[in-house]
């Protein structure tokens, strides 16, 4: 059974971590332009931020919301490079890298896996939030099916709009991290990332890639860490 929490209480507690304790990241993420001062603060505070965020994240499932708290109108639509339109019939989710069984999963294969739902608050660094019900397969189940290696510490995520992300292993394997194919009880809209997008209550919105086409398990972070992270945004971005 999902644990429910008053949305005002939950938002303030998790926002305290994401925006209050993360002093450097709030400077980095709160403005449109980065300056030398905010970059230096971010470099100093980010390792501490990540340890604090990972500690809270490891304490178990995040409390979820009730279905009647879902607010469809509050979820804004944005994209990095336009809205791609993928053909559902030819779509394949590529899973490669440090796995024993590389995969090319079509939508039927994803639908045949155990389905899960999470009603969560989607928090955007731009200052808005929305309670959304996502459904799909656990990212952990897909990575387990592929045979993720013990050496795989990170997952790189490719998207059809050329957006790029990377996650730590623990966040990718979190039981509330989904590869969502449905939203608010209906098939996932193209504008919100169809046919497959990431959804989890443990990360800020810019970590939740839409139009996901590929997962690559790697042993360490590369030169590229993420579309916005490479411009100074906090990499872990935990809530």
Protein backbone atom coordinates (compact mmCIF):
# COMPACT_ATOMS: atom_id res chain seq x y z
CA UNK A 1 0.00 0.00 0.00
CA UNK A 2 1.28 3.46 -0.83
CA UNK A 3 2.09 5.77 2.03
CA UNK A 4 0.40 9.13 1.72
CA UNK A 5 1.56 12.49 2.98
CA UNK A 6 0.04 15.92 3.07
CA UNK A 7 1.44 17.58 -0.09
CA UNK A 8 2.31 20.82 1.68
CA UNK A 9 4.34 19.02 4.33
CA UNK A 10 6.13 16.77 1.88
CA UNK A 11 7.05 19.55 -0.48
CA UNK A 12 8.48 21.73 2.27
CA UNK A 13 10.57 18.91 3.73
CA UNK A 14 12.02 17.76 0.44
CA UNK A 15 12.39 21.25 -0.87
CA UNK A 16 14.42 22.05 2.24
CA UNK A 17 16.95 19.49 1.10
CA UNK A 18 16.84 20.35 -2.57
CA UNK A 19 16.93 24.12 -2.20
CA UNK A 20 17.78 24.90 1.42
CA UNK A 21 20.62 22.57 2.34
CA UNK A 22 21.93 22.63 -1.21
CA UNK A 23 23.13 26.19 -0.95
CA UNK A 24 25.42 25.93 -3.93
CA UNK A 25 22.94 24.15 -6.13
CA UNK A 26 20.22 26.68 -5.40
CA UNK A 27 22.52 29.38 -6.68
CA UNK A 28 23.32 27.32 -9.72
CA UNK A 29 19.81 26.23 -10.49
CA UNK A 30 17.84 29.29 -9.49
CA UNK A 31 19.15 31.62 -12.16
CA UNK A 32 19.36 31.59 -15.90
CA UNK A 33 23.02 32.58 -16.02
CA UNK A 34 25.97 31.09 -14.20
CA UNK A 35 28.70 33.27 -12.79
CA UNK A 36 32.10 32.51 -11.30
CA UNK A 37 30.91 32.86 -7.72
CA UNK A 38 28.02 30.42 -8.06
CA UNK A 39 30.23 27.91 -9.88
CA UNK A 40 32.77 27.95 -7.04
CA UNK A 41 30.05 27.58 -4.40
CA UNK A 42 28.58 24.69 -6.34
CA UNK A 43 31.94 22.94 -6.65
CA UNK A 44 32.43 23.21 -2.90
CA UNK A 45 28.95 22.15 -1.78
CA UNK A 46 27.95 19.52 -4.33
CA UNK A 47 29.82 16.53 -2.78
CA UNK A 48 28.18 17.27 0.59
CA UNK A 49 24.80 17.74 -1.08
CA UNK A 50 25.11 14.36 -2.77
CA UNK A 51 25.98 12.57 0.46
CA UNK A 52 23.02 14.14 2.28
CA UNK A 53 20.63 13.44 -0.58
CA UNK A 54 21.83 9.86 -1.00
CA UNK A 55 21.50 9.28 2.75
CA UNK A 56 17.83 10.35 2.78
CA UNK A 57 17.15 8.52 -0.46
CA UNK A 58 18.43 5.28 1.04
CA UNK A 59 15.96 5.38 3.92
CA UNK A 60 13.24 3.64 1.94
CA UNK A 61 10.32 4.43 -0.36
CA UNK A 62 9.17 8.02 -0.67
CA UNK A 63 5.61 8.61 0.61
CA UNK A 64 3.18 8.93 -2.27
CA UNK A 65 0.05 10.97 -2.84
CA UNK A 66 -3.60 10.01 -3.20
CA UNK A 67 -5.24 9.76 -6.63
CA UNK A 68 -7.54 12.68 -5.80
CA UNK A 69 -4.48 14.90 -5.31
CA UNK A 70 -3.35 14.55 -8.94
CA UNK A 71 -3.39 17.90 -10.74
CA UNK A 72 -3.02 17.33 -14.50
CA UNK A 73 -3.10 21.02 -15.36
CA UNK A 74 -0.07 21.76 -13.19
CA UNK A 75 2.38 19.68 -15.24
CA UNK A 76 3.97 22.01 -17.77
CA UNK A 77 5.32 20.80 -21.10
CA UNK A 78 8.89 21.53 -22.05
CA UNK A 79 11.54 20.00 -24.26
CA UNK A 80 15.20 20.46 -24.99
CA UNK A 81 15.14 20.32 -28.78
CA UNK A 82 11.54 20.20 -29.93
CA UNK A 83 9.07 17.35 -29.48
CA UNK A 84 10.12 14.20 -31.36
CA UNK A 85 7.45 11.83 -32.58
CA UNK A 86 8.60 8.23 -32.39
CA UNK A 87 6.80 5.47 -34.25
CA UNK A 88 5.41 3.12 -31.57
CA UNK A 89 5.55 0.17 -34.00
CA UNK A 90 9.28 0.52 -34.61
CA UNK A 91 10.29 1.82 -31.19
CA UNK A 92 13.04 -0.08 -29.40
CA UNK A 93 14.57 0.65 -26.02
CA UNK A 94 18.28 -0.12 -26.27
CA UNK A 95 20.03 -1.44 -23.15
CA UNK A 96 23.79 -1.89 -23.48
CA UNK A 97 27.16 -1.36 -21.84
CA UNK A 98 28.11 -3.34 -18.73
CA UNK A 99 25.31 -5.88 -19.03
CA UNK A 100 25.44 -9.60 -19.75
CA UNK A 101 22.39 -9.53 -22.05
CA UNK A 102 22.13 -6.41 -24.24
CA UNK A 103 18.49 -5.73 -25.07
CA UNK A 104 16.33 -4.14 -27.74
CA UNK A 105 12.90 -3.94 -26.10
CA UNK A 106 9.78 -2.99 -28.03
CA UNK A 107 6.67 -1.62 -26.36
CA UNK A 108 5.04 -5.06 -26.25
CA UNK A 109 8.01 -6.44 -24.33
CA UNK A 110 7.83 -3.57 -21.85
CA UNK A 111 4.07 -4.07 -21.45
CA UNK A 112 4.62 -7.77 -20.72
CA UNK A 113 6.83 -6.95 -17.73
CA UNK A 114 5.34 -6.29 -14.26
CA UNK A 115 3.68 -2.88 -14.23
CA UNK A 116 3.93 -0.42 -11.35
CA UNK A 117 2.52 3.00 -10.51
CA UNK A 118 3.76 5.91 -8.48
CA UNK A 119 1.81 9.05 -7.58
CA UNK A 120 4.49 11.64 -6.99
CA UNK A 121 5.26 15.31 -6.92
CA UNK A 122 7.22 16.32 -10.00
CA UNK A 123 9.45 19.21 -8.90
CA UNK A 124 10.92 21.51 -11.52
CA UNK A 125 13.95 23.60 -10.70
CA UNK A 126 12.19 26.56 -12.32
CA UNK A 127 9.99 26.78 -9.24
CA UNK A 128 6.81 24.88 -10.11
CA UNK A 129 5.58 21.44 -9.07
CA UNK A 130 2.79 19.04 -10.03
CA UNK A 131 1.37 15.86 -8.56
CA UNK A 132 1.31 13.24 -11.30
CA UNK A 133 0.41 9.53 -11.48
CA UNK A 134 2.92 7.61 -13.60
CA UNK A 135 2.73 3.94 -14.59
CA UNK A 136 5.19 1.66 -16.34
CA UNK A 137 8.00 -0.76 -15.62
CA UNK A 138 10.62 -0.35 -12.97
CA UNK A 139 13.95 0.70 -14.39
CA UNK A 140 15.46 -1.82 -11.98
CA UNK A 141 13.52 -4.64 -13.65
CA UNK A 142 14.82 -3.68 -17.09
CA UNK A 143 18.41 -3.45 -15.84
CA UNK A 144 18.05 -6.78 -14.02
CA UNK A 145 16.67 -8.39 -17.18
CA UNK A 146 19.73 -7.12 -19.03
CA UNK A 147 22.02 -8.52 -16.35
CA UNK A 148 23.57 -5.35 -14.99
CA UNK A 149 27.18 -5.94 -13.97
CA UNK A 150 28.40 -5.33 -10.40
CA UNK A 151 30.94 -3.03 -12.06
CA UNK A 152 28.18 -0.83 -13.45
CA UNK A 153 28.03 2.17 -11.17
CA UNK A 154 26.14 4.54 -13.44
CA UNK A 155 23.49 4.57 -16.16
CA UNK A 156 23.65 6.95 -19.12
CA UNK A 157 20.31 7.82 -20.72
CA UNK A 158 19.82 8.82 -24.35
CA UNK A 159 16.69 10.56 -25.64
CA UNK A 160 15.25 11.14 -29.09
CA UNK A 161 15.48 14.93 -28.65
CA UNK A 162 19.26 14.61 -28.06
CA UNK A 163 18.82 15.24 -24.32
CA UNK A 164 21.42 13.38 -22.28
CA UNK A 165 21.43 12.29 -18.64
CA UNK A 166 23.41 10.08 -16.28
CA UNK A 167 22.30 8.54 -13.00
CA UNK A 168 23.97 6.75 -10.14
CA UNK A 169 23.23 3.04 -9.83
CA UNK A 170 21.28 3.31 -6.57
CA UNK A 171 18.87 5.89 -8.01
CA UNK A 172 18.35 3.83 -11.16
CA UNK A 173 17.56 0.73 -9.08
CA UNK A 174 15.27 2.57 -6.65
CA UNK A 175 11.88 0.77 -6.52
CA UNK A 176 9.99 3.99 -7.35
CA UNK A 177 12.04 4.81 -10.44
CA UNK A 178 9.94 3.97 -13.50
CA UNK A 179 10.23 3.87 -17.24
CA UNK A 180 6.76 5.34 -17.58
CA UNK A 181 4.44 4.56 -20.47
CA UNK A 182 1.25 5.97 -18.94
CA UNK A 183 0.30 9.18 -17.14
CA UNK A 184 -2.75 9.82 -14.97
CA UNK A 185 -4.39 6.58 -16.05
CA UNK A 186 -4.03 7.16 -19.80
CA UNK A 187 -1.31 6.37 -22.38
CA UNK A 188 1.64 8.71 -22.06
CA UNK A 189 1.15 11.76 -24.31
CA UNK A 190 3.80 12.55 -26.90
CA UNK A 191 4.31 15.98 -25.36
CA UNK A 192 5.15 14.37 -22.03
CA UNK A 193 7.71 11.94 -23.43
CA UNK A 194 5.90 9.08 -25.21
CA UNK A 195 6.49 6.33 -25.72
CA UNK A 196 8.84 6.04 -22.71
CA UNK A 197 10.09 8.53 -20.14
CA UNK A 198 11.70 8.43 -16.71
CA UNK A 199 9.66 9.16 -13.59
CA UNK A 200 10.73 9.06 -9.95
CA UNK A 201 10.01 11.03 -6.77
CA UNK A 202 13.70 11.04 -5.77
CA UNK A 203 15.06 13.42 -8.45
CA UNK A 204 14.44 16.95 -9.70
CA UNK A 205 12.57 17.24 -12.97
CA UNK A 206 15.55 17.86 -15.22
CA UNK A 207 16.83 14.35 -14.41
CA UNK A 208 13.58 12.79 -15.70
CA UNK A 209 14.40 12.29 -19.36
CA UNK A 210 11.58 12.12 -21.88
CA UNK A 211 11.49 10.15 -25.18
CA UNK A 212 14.03 7.68 -23.78
CA UNK A 213 15.68 5.55 -26.46
CA UNK A 214 18.77 4.10 -24.80
CA UNK A 215 20.26 3.01 -21.48
CA UNK A 216 23.99 2.43 -21.19
CA UNK A 217 25.53 0.98 -18.03
CA UNK A 218 29.03 2.31 -17.37
CA UNK A 219 31.61 1.97 -14.61
CA UNK A 220 32.30 5.68 -14.12
CA UNK A 221 31.02 9.08 -15.14
CA UNK A 222 32.35 10.33 -18.43
CA UNK A 223 33.18 13.82 -19.59
CA UNK A 224 29.49 14.32 -20.32
CA UNK A 225 27.28 14.13 -17.24
CA UNK A 226 24.04 15.61 -18.49
CA UNK A 227 22.65 18.29 -20.78
CA UNK A 228 22.18 20.81 -17.98
CA UNK A 229 24.75 19.38 -15.59
CA UNK A 230 27.48 20.09 -18.15
CA UNK A 231 26.44 23.75 -17.88
CA UNK A 232 26.76 23.83 -14.09
CA UNK A 233 23.59 22.24 -12.71
CA UNK A 234 23.97 19.85 -9.80
CA UNK A 235 24.52 16.30 -11.03
CA UNK A 236 22.85 14.23 -8.27
CA UNK A 237 19.77 16.48 -8.08
CA UNK A 238 18.13 14.45 -5.34
CA UNK A 239 14.97 15.40 -3.47
